[in-house]
Amino acid sequence: MSILDASIARLDGTPTTLGEITGGNAALLVNVASKCGLTPQYAGLEQLQEKYAHRGFTVVGLPCNQFLGQEPGSAEEIAEFCSATYGVTFPMTEKIEVNGDDRHEIYRGLVDTPDLDGRTGDVQWNFEKFLVSGDGAVVARFAPGVLPDDQHVLAAIEAQLDA
């Protein structure tokens, strides 16, 4: 089974699959949080969305409260914060867990992918990024501190869009 077949709800609670959210496009999946030192990355993620959406790409935000409770809000509060503070237009899902026994099935298909330093396993922190191809193959992983406009991220996205 592809991770694109994984069931998940949109932030508004509408049931869907990851594949329906991405629409067959390459996607950057990011576990996001509103009260983290890395939260300003939302701006860079939105810039990626604006730059590449017309070429068959989307960012997907997957809120997670597992790291020091830095995503405590309700779905409505998360939506309002992202829209009002960062103008987020990319799709967001329900709040999920990315590590542990209750790890969402999407993340079960992601964590074996090595990041730029060769690290695999549990998600380290908020804003870890996974690039998936339009057919659901996991093609890259970027540590939380790697910014959305990092050349490695941009090159990996471009490679998917040129494939």
N, C-alpha and C. Protein backbone atom coordinates (compact mmCIF):
# COMPACT_ATOMS: atom_id res chain seq x y z
N MET A 1 0.83 -1.19 0.00
CA MET A 1 0.00 0.00 0.00
C MET A 1 0.88 1.25 0.00
N SER A 2 0.54 2.22 -0.80
CA SER A 2 1.24 3.49 -0.89
C SER A 2 0.81 4.39 0.26
N ILE A 3 1.70 5.27 0.70
CA ILE A 3 1.29 6.23 1.74
C ILE A 3 0.18 7.13 1.22
N LEU A 4 0.04 7.24 -0.10
CA LEU A 4 -1.02 8.06 -0.66
C LEU A 4 -2.41 7.49 -0.37
N ASP A 5 -2.47 6.18 -0.07
CA ASP A 5 -3.74 5.54 0.26
C ASP A 5 -4.12 5.72 1.73
N ALA A 6 -3.22 6.27 2.52
CA ALA A 6 -3.46 6.43 3.96
C ALA A 6 -4.62 7.37 4.22
N SER A 7 -5.52 6.95 5.08
CA SER A 7 -6.66 7.79 5.48
C SER A 7 -6.20 8.84 6.47
N ILE A 8 -6.71 10.03 6.28
CA ILE A 8 -6.42 11.14 7.19
C ILE A 8 -7.54 12.16 7.00
N ALA A 9 -7.77 12.97 7.97
CA ALA A 9 -8.78 14.02 7.83
C ALA A 9 -8.08 15.35 7.54
N ARG A 10 -8.76 16.18 6.80
CA ARG A 10 -8.28 17.55 6.62
C ARG A 10 -8.43 18.28 7.95
N LEU A 11 -7.85 19.44 8.06
CA LEU A 11 -7.91 20.20 9.31
C LEU A 11 -9.35 20.49 9.72
N ASP A 12 -10.24 20.63 8.73
CA ASP A 12 -11.65 20.89 9.06
C ASP A 12 -12.43 19.63 9.43
N GLY A 13 -11.73 18.48 9.47
CA GLY A 13 -12.35 17.23 9.87
C GLY A 13 -12.87 16.37 8.73
N THR A 14 -12.82 16.86 7.50
CA THR A 14 -13.29 16.10 6.35
C THR A 14 -12.39 14.90 6.11
N PRO A 15 -12.94 13.68 6.12
CA PRO A 15 -12.12 12.49 5.86
C PRO A 15 -11.64 12.46 4.41
N THR A 16 -10.41 12.02 4.23
CA THR A 16 -9.82 11.95 2.89
C THR A 16 -8.65 10.99 2.94
N THR A 17 -7.83 11.02 1.91
CA THR A 17 -6.57 10.28 1.88
C THR A 17 -5.46 11.27 1.56
N LEU A 18 -4.24 10.87 1.84
CA LEU A 18 -3.12 11.72 1.50
C LEU A 18 -3.08 11.95 -0.01
N GLY A 19 -3.39 10.93 -0.80
CA GLY A 19 -3.40 11.06 -2.25
C GLY A 19 -4.40 12.09 -2.75
N GLU A 20 -5.57 12.15 -2.11
CA GLU A 20 -6.56 13.17 -2.49
C GLU A 20 -6.06 14.56 -2.13
N ILE A 21 -5.37 14.67 -1.01
CA ILE A 21 -4.83 15.97 -0.60
C ILE A 21 -3.75 16.44 -1.57
N THR A 22 -2.87 15.53 -1.97
CA THR A 22 -1.77 15.93 -2.86
C THR A 22 -2.21 16.01 -4.32
N GLY A 23 -3.31 15.36 -4.66
CA GLY A 23 -3.81 15.41 -6.03
C GLY A 23 -2.86 14.81 -7.05
N GLY A 24 -2.04 13.86 -6.63
CA GLY A 24 -1.09 13.26 -7.55
C GLY A 24 0.15 14.09 -7.78
N ASN A 25 0.29 15.16 -7.05
CA ASN A 25 1.46 16.03 -7.17
C ASN A 25 2.57 15.59 -6.23
N ALA A 26 3.79 15.98 -6.56
CA ALA A 26 4.88 15.88 -5.60
C ALA A 26 4.50 16.74 -4.40
N ALA A 27 4.92 16.32 -3.22
CA ALA A 27 4.50 17.05 -2.02
C ALA A 27 5.60 17.04 -0.98
N LEU A 28 5.68 18.13 -0.23
CA LEU A 28 6.56 18.23 0.92
C LEU A 28 5.68 18.10 2.16
N LEU A 29 5.83 16.99 2.87
CA LEU A 29 5.05 16.72 4.08
C LEU A 29 5.83 17.23 5.28
N VAL A 30 5.21 18.07 6.09
CA VAL A 30 5.90 18.73 7.19
C VAL A 30 5.06 18.65 8.45
N ASN A 31 5.63 18.10 9.54
CA ASN A 31 4.93 18.13 10.82
C ASN A 31 5.13 19.52 11.41
N VAL A 32 4.02 20.23 11.55
CA VAL A 32 4.06 21.65 11.91
C VAL A 32 3.56 21.88 13.33
N ALA A 33 3.93 23.03 13.89
CA ALA A 33 3.49 23.43 15.22
C ALA A 33 3.47 24.96 15.29
N SER A 34 2.51 25.49 16.00
CA SER A 34 2.28 26.94 16.05
C SER A 34 3.10 27.67 17.11
N LYS A 35 3.63 26.93 18.09
CA LYS A 35 4.30 27.59 19.21
C LYS A 35 5.74 27.09 19.37
N CYS A 36 6.43 26.98 18.27
CA CYS A 36 7.79 26.44 18.23
C CYS A 36 8.74 27.52 17.74
N GLY A 37 9.99 27.41 18.14
CA GLY A 37 10.99 28.34 17.62
C GLY A 37 11.15 28.25 16.11
N LEU A 38 10.74 27.13 15.53
CA LEU A 38 10.84 26.95 14.08
C LEU A 38 9.57 27.36 13.34
N THR A 39 8.55 27.81 14.07
CA THR A 39 7.27 28.17 13.47
C THR A 39 7.41 29.18 12.32
N PRO A 40 8.35 30.12 12.37
CA PRO A 40 8.50 31.03 11.23
C PRO A 40 8.77 30.33 9.89
N GLN A 41 9.11 29.03 9.93
CA GLN A 41 9.27 28.29 8.67
C GLN A 41 7.97 28.24 7.88
N TYR A 42 6.84 28.48 8.53
CA TYR A 42 5.58 28.55 7.79
C TYR A 42 5.69 29.53 6.61
N ALA A 43 6.37 30.65 6.82
CA ALA A 43 6.51 31.64 5.75
C ALA A 43 7.25 31.05 4.56
N GLY A 44 8.34 30.35 4.81
CA GLY A 44 9.09 29.72 3.73
C GLY A 44 8.32 28.59 3.06
N LEU A 45 7.55 27.85 3.84
CA LEU A 45 6.72 26.78 3.26
C LEU A 45 5.66 27.38 2.34
N GLU A 46 5.06 28.49 2.76
CA GLU A 46 4.06 29.15 1.92
C GLU A 46 4.72 29.69 0.64
N GLN A 47 5.95 30.18 0.74
CA GLN A 47 6.65 30.63 -0.46
C GLN A 47 6.88 29.48 -1.43
N LEU A 48 7.22 28.29 -0.91
CA LEU A 48 7.37 27.11 -1.78
C LEU A 48 6.04 26.81 -2.47
N GLN A 49 4.96 26.87 -1.71
CA GLN A 49 3.63 26.60 -2.28
C GLN A 49 3.35 27.57 -3.43
N GLU A 50 3.59 28.83 -3.18
CA GLU A 50 3.32 29.85 -4.20
C GLU A 50 4.22 29.69 -5.42
N LYS A 51 5.46 29.32 -5.19
CA LYS A 51 6.43 29.21 -6.29
C LYS A 51 6.18 27.99 -7.17
N TYR A 52 5.77 26.86 -6.57
CA TYR A 52 5.74 25.60 -7.31
C TYR A 52 4.35 24.99 -7.53
N ALA A 53 3.31 25.52 -6.94
CA ALA A 53 1.98 24.90 -7.05
C ALA A 53 1.56 24.74 -8.51
N HIS A 54 1.82 25.74 -9.33
CA HIS A 54 1.40 25.69 -10.73
C HIS A 54 2.17 24.64 -11.54
N ARG A 55 3.25 24.10 -10.95
CA ARG A 55 4.06 23.09 -11.64
C ARG A 55 3.77 21.67 -11.13
N GLY A 56 2.75 21.52 -10.29
CA GLY A 56 2.40 20.18 -9.81
C GLY A 56 3.06 19.82 -8.50
N PHE A 57 3.03 20.74 -7.55
CA PHE A 57 3.66 20.55 -6.24
C PHE A 57 2.74 21.12 -5.17
N THR A 58 2.78 20.53 -3.99
CA THR A 58 2.09 21.10 -2.84
C THR A 58 2.86 20.82 -1.56
N VAL A 59 2.74 21.73 -0.64
CA VAL A 59 3.19 21.51 0.74
C VAL A 59 1.96 20.96 1.47
N VAL A 60 2.18 20.03 2.39
CA VAL A 60 1.10 19.54 3.25
C VAL A 60 1.56 19.70 4.70
N GLY A 61 0.82 20.47 5.47
CA GLY A 61 1.11 20.64 6.89
C GLY A 61 0.37 19.60 7.70
N LEU A 62 1.10 18.90 8.55
CA LEU A 62 0.52 17.88 9.42
C LEU A 62 0.78 18.29 10.87
N PRO A 63 -0.16 19.01 11.49
CA PRO A 63 0.05 19.48 12.87
C PRO A 63 0.31 18.32 13.83
N CYS A 64 1.24 18.57 14.75
CA CYS A 64 1.63 17.55 15.73
C CYS A 64 1.94 18.24 17.06
N ASN A 65 1.43 17.65 18.13
CA ASN A 65 1.63 18.22 19.47
C ASN A 65 2.57 17.38 20.32
N GLN A 66 3.39 16.55 19.69
CA GLN A 66 4.25 15.62 20.44
C GLN A 66 5.54 16.23 20.98
N PHE A 67 5.90 17.40 20.51
CA PHE A 67 7.18 17.98 20.92
C PHE A 67 6.93 19.16 21.85
N LEU A 68 7.01 18.89 23.15
CA LEU A 68 6.81 19.88 24.21
C LEU A 68 5.46 20.58 24.11
N GLY A 69 4.46 19.92 23.55
CA GLY A 69 3.12 20.50 23.49
C GLY A 69 3.05 21.78 22.70
N GLN A 70 3.83 21.88 21.62
CA GLN A 70 3.93 23.14 20.88
C GLN A 70 2.85 23.33 19.82
N GLU A 71 1.89 22.39 19.75
CA GLU A 71 0.71 22.57 18.89
C GLU A 71 -0.53 22.23 19.71
N PRO A 72 -0.83 23.07 20.73
CA PRO A 72 -1.92 22.74 21.65
C PRO A 72 -3.31 23.11 21.13
N GLY A 73 -3.39 23.91 20.10
CA GLY A 73 -4.66 24.47 19.67
C GLY A 73 -5.63 23.48 19.05
N SER A 74 -6.88 23.92 18.98
CA SER A 74 -7.91 23.17 18.27
C SER A 74 -7.69 23.35 16.77
N ALA A 75 -8.40 22.59 15.98
CA ALA A 75 -8.30 22.72 14.52
C ALA A 75 -8.61 24.16 14.10
N GLU A 76 -9.64 24.75 14.69
CA GLU A 76 -10.03 26.12 14.34
C GLU A 76 -8.93 27.11 14.71
N GLU A 77 -8.32 26.91 15.88
CA GLU A 77 -7.24 27.81 16.31
C GLU A 77 -6.02 27.67 15.41
N ILE A 78 -5.70 26.45 15.01
CA ILE A 78 -4.57 26.22 14.11
C ILE A 78 -4.83 26.90 12.77
N ALA A 79 -6.02 26.70 12.22
CA ALA A 79 -6.37 27.30 10.93
C ALA A 79 -6.29 28.82 10.99
N GLU A 80 -6.84 29.41 12.05
CA GLU A 80 -6.82 30.86 12.20
C GLU A 80 -5.40 31.38 12.33
N PHE A 81 -4.58 30.73 13.16
CA PHE A 81 -3.20 31.15 13.34
C PHE A 81 -2.44 31.11 12.02
N CYS A 82 -2.54 30.00 11.30
CA CYS A 82 -1.78 29.83 10.05
C CYS A 82 -2.22 30.83 9.00
N SER A 83 -3.51 31.06 8.90
CA SER A 83 -4.03 32.00 7.92
C SER A 83 -3.67 33.45 8.27
N ALA A 84 -3.96 33.83 9.51
CA ALA A 84 -3.76 35.22 9.92
C ALA A 84 -2.29 35.59 10.05
N THR A 85 -1.47 34.67 10.54
CA THR A 85 -0.06 34.99 10.82
C THR A 85 0.84 34.79 9.60
N TYR A 86 0.59 33.73 8.83
CA TYR A 86 1.50 33.39 7.73
C TYR A 86 0.83 33.30 6.37
N GLY A 87 -0.47 33.56 6.29
CA GLY A 87 -1.16 33.51 5.01
C GLY A 87 -1.12 32.14 4.35
N VAL A 88 -1.13 31.09 5.17
CA VAL A 88 -0.99 29.74 4.65
C VAL A 88 -2.17 29.38 3.74
N THR A 89 -1.84 28.91 2.54
CA THR A 89 -2.85 28.44 1.59
C THR A 89 -2.71 26.95 1.32
N PHE A 90 -1.59 26.34 1.72
CA PHE A 90 -1.40 24.92 1.44
C PHE A 90 -2.29 24.09 2.35
N PRO A 91 -2.60 22.84 1.94
CA PRO A 91 -3.49 22.01 2.74
C PRO A 91 -2.88 21.62 4.09
N MET A 92 -3.77 21.53 5.07
CA MET A 92 -3.38 21.12 6.42
C MET A 92 -4.28 19.96 6.81
N THR A 93 -3.72 19.04 7.59
CA THR A 93 -4.48 17.88 8.04
C THR A 93 -4.85 18.04 9.51
N GLU A 94 -5.60 17.04 9.97
CA GLU A 94 -5.89 16.94 11.39
C GLU A 94 -4.58 16.79 12.16
N LYS A 95 -4.63 17.05 13.45
CA LYS A 95 -3.46 16.86 14.30
C LYS A 95 -3.19 15.37 14.43
N ILE A 96 -1.92 14.98 14.26
CA ILE A 96 -1.53 13.56 14.30
C ILE A 96 -0.31 13.38 15.18
N GLU A 97 0.03 12.12 15.41
CA GLU A 97 1.29 11.78 16.08
C GLU A 97 2.25 11.23 15.02
N VAL A 98 3.51 11.62 15.15
CA VAL A 98 4.52 11.21 14.16
C VAL A 98 5.50 10.18 14.71
N ASN A 99 5.49 9.99 16.02
CA ASN A 99 6.38 9.03 16.68
C ASN A 99 5.57 8.17 17.65
N GLY A 100 6.17 7.05 18.07
CA GLY A 100 5.56 6.23 19.12
C GLY A 100 4.53 5.24 18.62
N ASP A 101 3.87 4.60 19.58
CA ASP A 101 2.90 3.56 19.27
C ASP A 101 1.72 4.07 18.46
N ASP A 102 1.37 5.35 18.61
CA ASP A 102 0.24 5.92 17.88
C ASP A 102 0.67 6.71 16.66
N ARG A 103 1.89 6.44 16.18
CA ARG A 103 2.39 7.11 14.97
C ARG A 103 1.38 6.90 13.84
N HIS A 104 1.03 7.98 13.16
CA HIS A 104 0.10 7.88 12.04
C HIS A 104 0.70 7.02 10.94
N GLU A 105 -0.14 6.30 10.22
CA GLU A 105 0.34 5.38 9.19
C GLU A 105 1.16 6.09 8.11
N ILE A 106 0.89 7.36 7.85
CA ILE A 106 1.70 8.09 6.88
C ILE A 106 3.15 8.12 7.33
N TYR A 107 3.36 8.37 8.60
CA TYR A 107 4.73 8.47 9.10
C TYR A 107 5.42 7.12 9.22
N ARG A 108 4.65 6.05 9.32
CA ARG A 108 5.27 4.72 9.29
C ARG A 108 5.97 4.50 7.96
N GLY A 109 5.45 5.12 6.91
CA GLY A 109 6.05 5.00 5.59
C GLY A 109 7.14 6.01 5.30
N LEU A 110 7.39 6.91 6.24
CA LEU A 110 8.38 7.97 6.01
C LEU A 110 9.68 7.80 6.77
N VAL A 111 9.61 7.31 8.00
CA VAL A 111 10.76 7.42 8.92
C VAL A 111 11.96 6.56 8.56
N ASP A 112 11.83 5.63 7.64
CA ASP A 112 13.00 4.84 7.23
C ASP A 112 13.85 5.57 6.20
N THR A 113 13.38 6.70 5.71
CA THR A 113 14.12 7.49 4.74
C THR A 113 15.21 8.28 5.45
N PRO A 114 16.45 8.22 4.96
CA PRO A 114 17.53 8.99 5.60
C PRO A 114 17.48 10.47 5.23
N ASP A 115 17.90 11.31 6.18
CA ASP A 115 18.02 12.73 5.88
C ASP A 115 19.40 13.01 5.26
N LEU A 116 19.76 14.26 5.10
CA LEU A 116 21.02 14.61 4.45
C LEU A 116 22.24 14.09 5.20
N ASP A 117 22.10 13.83 6.50
CA ASP A 117 23.20 13.30 7.31
C ASP A 117 23.13 11.79 7.45
N GLY A 118 22.17 11.15 6.75
CA GLY A 118 22.03 9.70 6.81
C GLY A 118 21.20 9.20 7.98
N ARG A 119 20.59 10.10 8.73
CA ARG A 119 19.80 9.73 9.91
C ARG A 119 18.41 9.23 9.50
N THR A 120 18.00 8.11 10.07
CA THR A 120 16.67 7.57 9.88
C THR A 120 16.00 7.43 11.24
N GLY A 121 14.79 6.94 11.25
CA GLY A 121 14.10 6.69 12.51
C GLY A 121 13.16 7.81 12.89
N ASP A 122 12.85 7.88 14.18
CA ASP A 122 11.86 8.83 14.66
C ASP A 122 12.10 10.24 14.17
N VAL A 123 10.99 10.96 14.00
CA VAL A 123 11.05 12.37 13.68
C VAL A 123 11.71 13.08 14.86
N GLN A 124 12.67 13.96 14.55
CA GLN A 124 13.45 14.61 15.60
C GLN A 124 12.70 15.73 16.31
N TRP A 125 11.92 16.52 15.55
CA TRP A 125 11.31 17.71 16.11
C TRP A 125 10.28 18.24 15.12
N ASN A 126 9.62 19.33 15.48
CA ASN A 126 8.69 19.99 14.58
C ASN A 126 9.42 20.44 13.30
N PHE A 127 8.71 20.47 12.22
CA PHE A 127 9.18 20.97 10.93
C PHE A 127 10.21 20.08 10.25
N GLU A 128 10.17 18.78 10.55
CA GLU A 128 10.95 17.83 9.75
C GLU A 128 10.19 17.67 8.43
N LYS A 129 10.91 17.57 7.34
CA LYS A 129 10.29 17.61 6.01
C LYS A 129 10.58 16.34 5.24
N PHE A 130 9.55 15.82 4.57
CA PHE A 130 9.68 14.63 3.72
C PHE A 130 9.13 14.98 2.35
N LEU A 131 9.93 14.78 1.32
CA LEU A 131 9.48 15.01 -0.05
C LEU A 131 9.03 13.69 -0.65
N VAL A 132 7.80 13.67 -1.17
CA VAL A 132 7.29 12.48 -1.82
C VAL A 132 6.95 12.82 -3.27
N SER A 133 7.16 11.83 -4.14
CA SER A 133 6.84 12.01 -5.55
C SER A 133 5.34 11.93 -5.75
N GLY A 134 4.90 12.23 -6.95
CA GLY A 134 3.49 12.16 -7.27
C GLY A 134 2.89 10.78 -7.11
N ASP A 135 3.74 9.75 -7.21
CA ASP A 135 3.23 8.38 -7.04
C ASP A 135 3.43 7.86 -5.62
N GLY A 136 3.87 8.72 -4.70
CA GLY A 136 3.97 8.36 -3.29
C GLY A 136 5.31 7.84 -2.83
N ALA A 137 6.30 7.80 -3.71
CA ALA A 137 7.64 7.36 -3.28
C ALA A 137 8.28 8.45 -2.43
N VAL A 138 8.88 8.04 -1.32
CA VAL A 138 9.58 9.00 -0.46
C VAL A 138 10.95 9.23 -1.05
N VAL A 139 11.25 10.45 -1.46
CA VAL A 139 12.49 10.71 -2.19
C VAL A 139 13.52 11.52 -1.41
N ALA A 140 13.10 12.20 -0.34
CA ALA A 140 14.07 12.98 0.43
C ALA A 140 13.51 13.28 1.81
N ARG A 141 14.43 13.50 2.74
CA ARG A 141 14.09 13.87 4.11
C ARG A 141 15.02 14.98 4.54
N PHE A 142 14.46 15.98 5.21
CA PHE A 142 15.24 17.12 5.66
C PHE A 142 14.98 17.37 7.14
N ALA A 143 16.05 17.53 7.89
CA ALA A 143 15.96 17.75 9.34
C ALA A 143 15.19 19.05 9.63
N PRO A 144 14.67 19.18 10.84
CA PRO A 144 13.87 20.36 11.19
C PRO A 144 14.57 21.69 10.94
N GLY A 145 15.87 21.77 11.18
CA GLY A 145 16.58 23.03 11.00
C GLY A 145 16.89 23.38 9.56
N VAL A 146 16.66 22.48 8.64
CA VAL A 146 16.87 22.78 7.22
C VAL A 146 15.70 23.64 6.76
N LEU A 147 15.99 24.84 6.33
CA LEU A 147 14.94 25.80 5.97
C LEU A 147 14.29 25.43 4.64
N PRO A 148 13.04 25.83 4.45
CA PRO A 148 12.35 25.52 3.20
C PRO A 148 13.05 26.04 1.95
N ASP A 149 13.80 27.13 2.06
CA ASP A 149 14.49 27.66 0.89
C ASP A 149 15.95 27.18 0.77
N ASP A 150 16.32 26.19 1.56
CA ASP A 150 17.65 25.60 1.46
C ASP A 150 17.84 25.02 0.06
N GLN A 151 19.04 25.14 -0.46
CA GLN A 151 19.31 24.67 -1.83
C GLN A 151 19.05 23.18 -1.99
N HIS A 152 19.28 22.39 -0.96
CA HIS A 152 19.02 20.95 -1.05
C HIS A 152 17.51 20.68 -1.23
N VAL A 153 16.70 21.44 -0.50
CA VAL A 153 15.25 21.30 -0.61
C VAL A 153 14.79 21.71 -2.00
N LEU A 154 15.25 22.88 -2.45
CA LEU A 154 14.84 23.39 -3.76
C LEU A 154 15.28 22.45 -4.88
N ALA A 155 16.50 21.94 -4.80
CA ALA A 155 16.98 21.02 -5.83
C ALA A 155 16.17 19.74 -5.86
N ALA A 156 15.81 19.21 -4.69
CA ALA A 156 15.02 17.99 -4.63
C ALA A 156 13.62 18.21 -5.21
N ILE A 157 13.02 19.34 -4.90
CA ILE A 157 11.69 19.66 -5.47
C ILE A 157 11.80 19.80 -6.97
N GLU A 158 12.78 20.56 -7.43
CA GLU A 158 12.96 20.75 -8.88
C GLU A 158 13.15 19.41 -9.59
N ALA A 159 13.90 18.51 -8.98
CA ALA A 159 14.14 17.20 -9.60
C ALA A 159 12.82 16.44 -9.76
N GLN A 160 11.93 16.56 -8.79
CA GLN A 160 10.64 15.89 -8.90
C GLN A 160 9.77 16.53 -9.96
N LEU A 161 9.83 17.82 -10.08
CA LEU A 161 9.01 18.52 -11.05
C LEU A 161 9.52 18.34 -12.48
N ASP A 162 10.81 18.06 -12.61
CA ASP A 162 11.40 17.84 -13.94
C ASP A 162 11.36 16.36 -14.34
N ALA A 163 10.95 15.49 -13.41
CA ALA A 163 10.96 14.05 -13.68
C ALA A 163 9.89 13.65 -14.68
